[in-house]
Amino acid sequence: MPAAPPPALVADDLVKTYSGGRKAPRVRALDGLSVEVPAGIVFALLGPNGAGKSTTVKILTTLARPDAGNARVAGIDVLADPDAVRRAIGLVSQKPSSDPMATGRENLELAARIQGLSRADARARARDLLDRFELTDAAGRLVKTWSGGMSRKLDVAIGLVHRPEVLFLDEPTTGLDPQARAGMWAEIARLSAGEQVTVLLTTHYLDEADHLAQRVAIVDHGRVVVEGAPEQLKSALRGDAVDVGLASVGDAAHATGILVRLGLRDVVVEGTRLRAGADDGARAVPALLAALDDAGTPAASVTVARPSLDDVYLKHVGHTLEVAA
């Protein structure tokens, strides 16, 4: 039986602090973060703003140095040989990487030349990527005339121009319309399945992580609080997820005790909504509605569903990602 390939990414007990400003205490962005990413998968890094996701990506892509701990990317130590790491990775940040005053073809050929390809190879690689991302028809137009979805595809193509082993995608679908977002999902899935590129994805869309990632890690306060396959993490939450909407924040706070008395667990209040777990949501709802009516806080809405990745996030972080973002 062949040995398993080494992990594509390893972060071991990373610590990173930043100055908090004049007379302010230092900010501990990473507090012993550890994670290991197998080769050839899509791995999603989730967490609220300030949790440490961006700092982790900066360290793994050699844009920042940890205060303690170590990291390896494509088997290369990020501190010992950062140049080799940069040759092995592609990075697509939230900000556009293309020149809006150049054409799509010019952007790709320039990126390829910067990565060391010959003029002929750069042209061939640009043609391949334009075709792959369905951008050939617009290749001769200035990028400033492109749609947001087309421009985001170009950013990813630029990140792939040198055929990296590992691709970092930072919020790749933010601001895209549903059709463009679906197209980006399809391309990310093809990267992993078809070309065995390891993709580290940061996103605020839990459905995106659930759809694309073979494994996810939720980061909070500079540490990984839970990690695993999405289905595994959802299955660990037994029973159903119950979501109750109330008329006011005061009603929601008052209703918390009612849910607890009825045996619902892990009750969390977010504004006028309550989220809780139940062994049998359908059976719990009638008694819950009656109890809320009797207390003078009738429910405006109630939904019951199987646990989602949002429920996993809620359990381990204490609020939904939408609230945190």
Foldseek 3Di string as FASTA:
>chain_A
DDDFDAFQKWWFQFWAWADPDPPDDIATLAGGATDTHHFLFEEEEEEFPSLNPVVVVCQQLLVDPTPDTWMDGRNHTCVVCVVVSNLQEFEQAPDQPADQQAFLLVRQLVLLVVSPDDSVLSNVLSVVLCVVLVNVVRRRPRNVPDDPLVSLSSSVSSRCSSPHQEYEAEASCPPHDPVSVVSVLVVLQCCRVPVRRYYYYYHLDQVSCLSGGQKYFYGGNNYTQDIGGFVVLLVVQAAKKKKFFWDFQVLQVVLPVVCVVLPWPPWADDTRMIITGDNYVVVSVVVSQVVCVVVVTHTPDMDIDRGGVQNSCCNRPVHGSVVSD
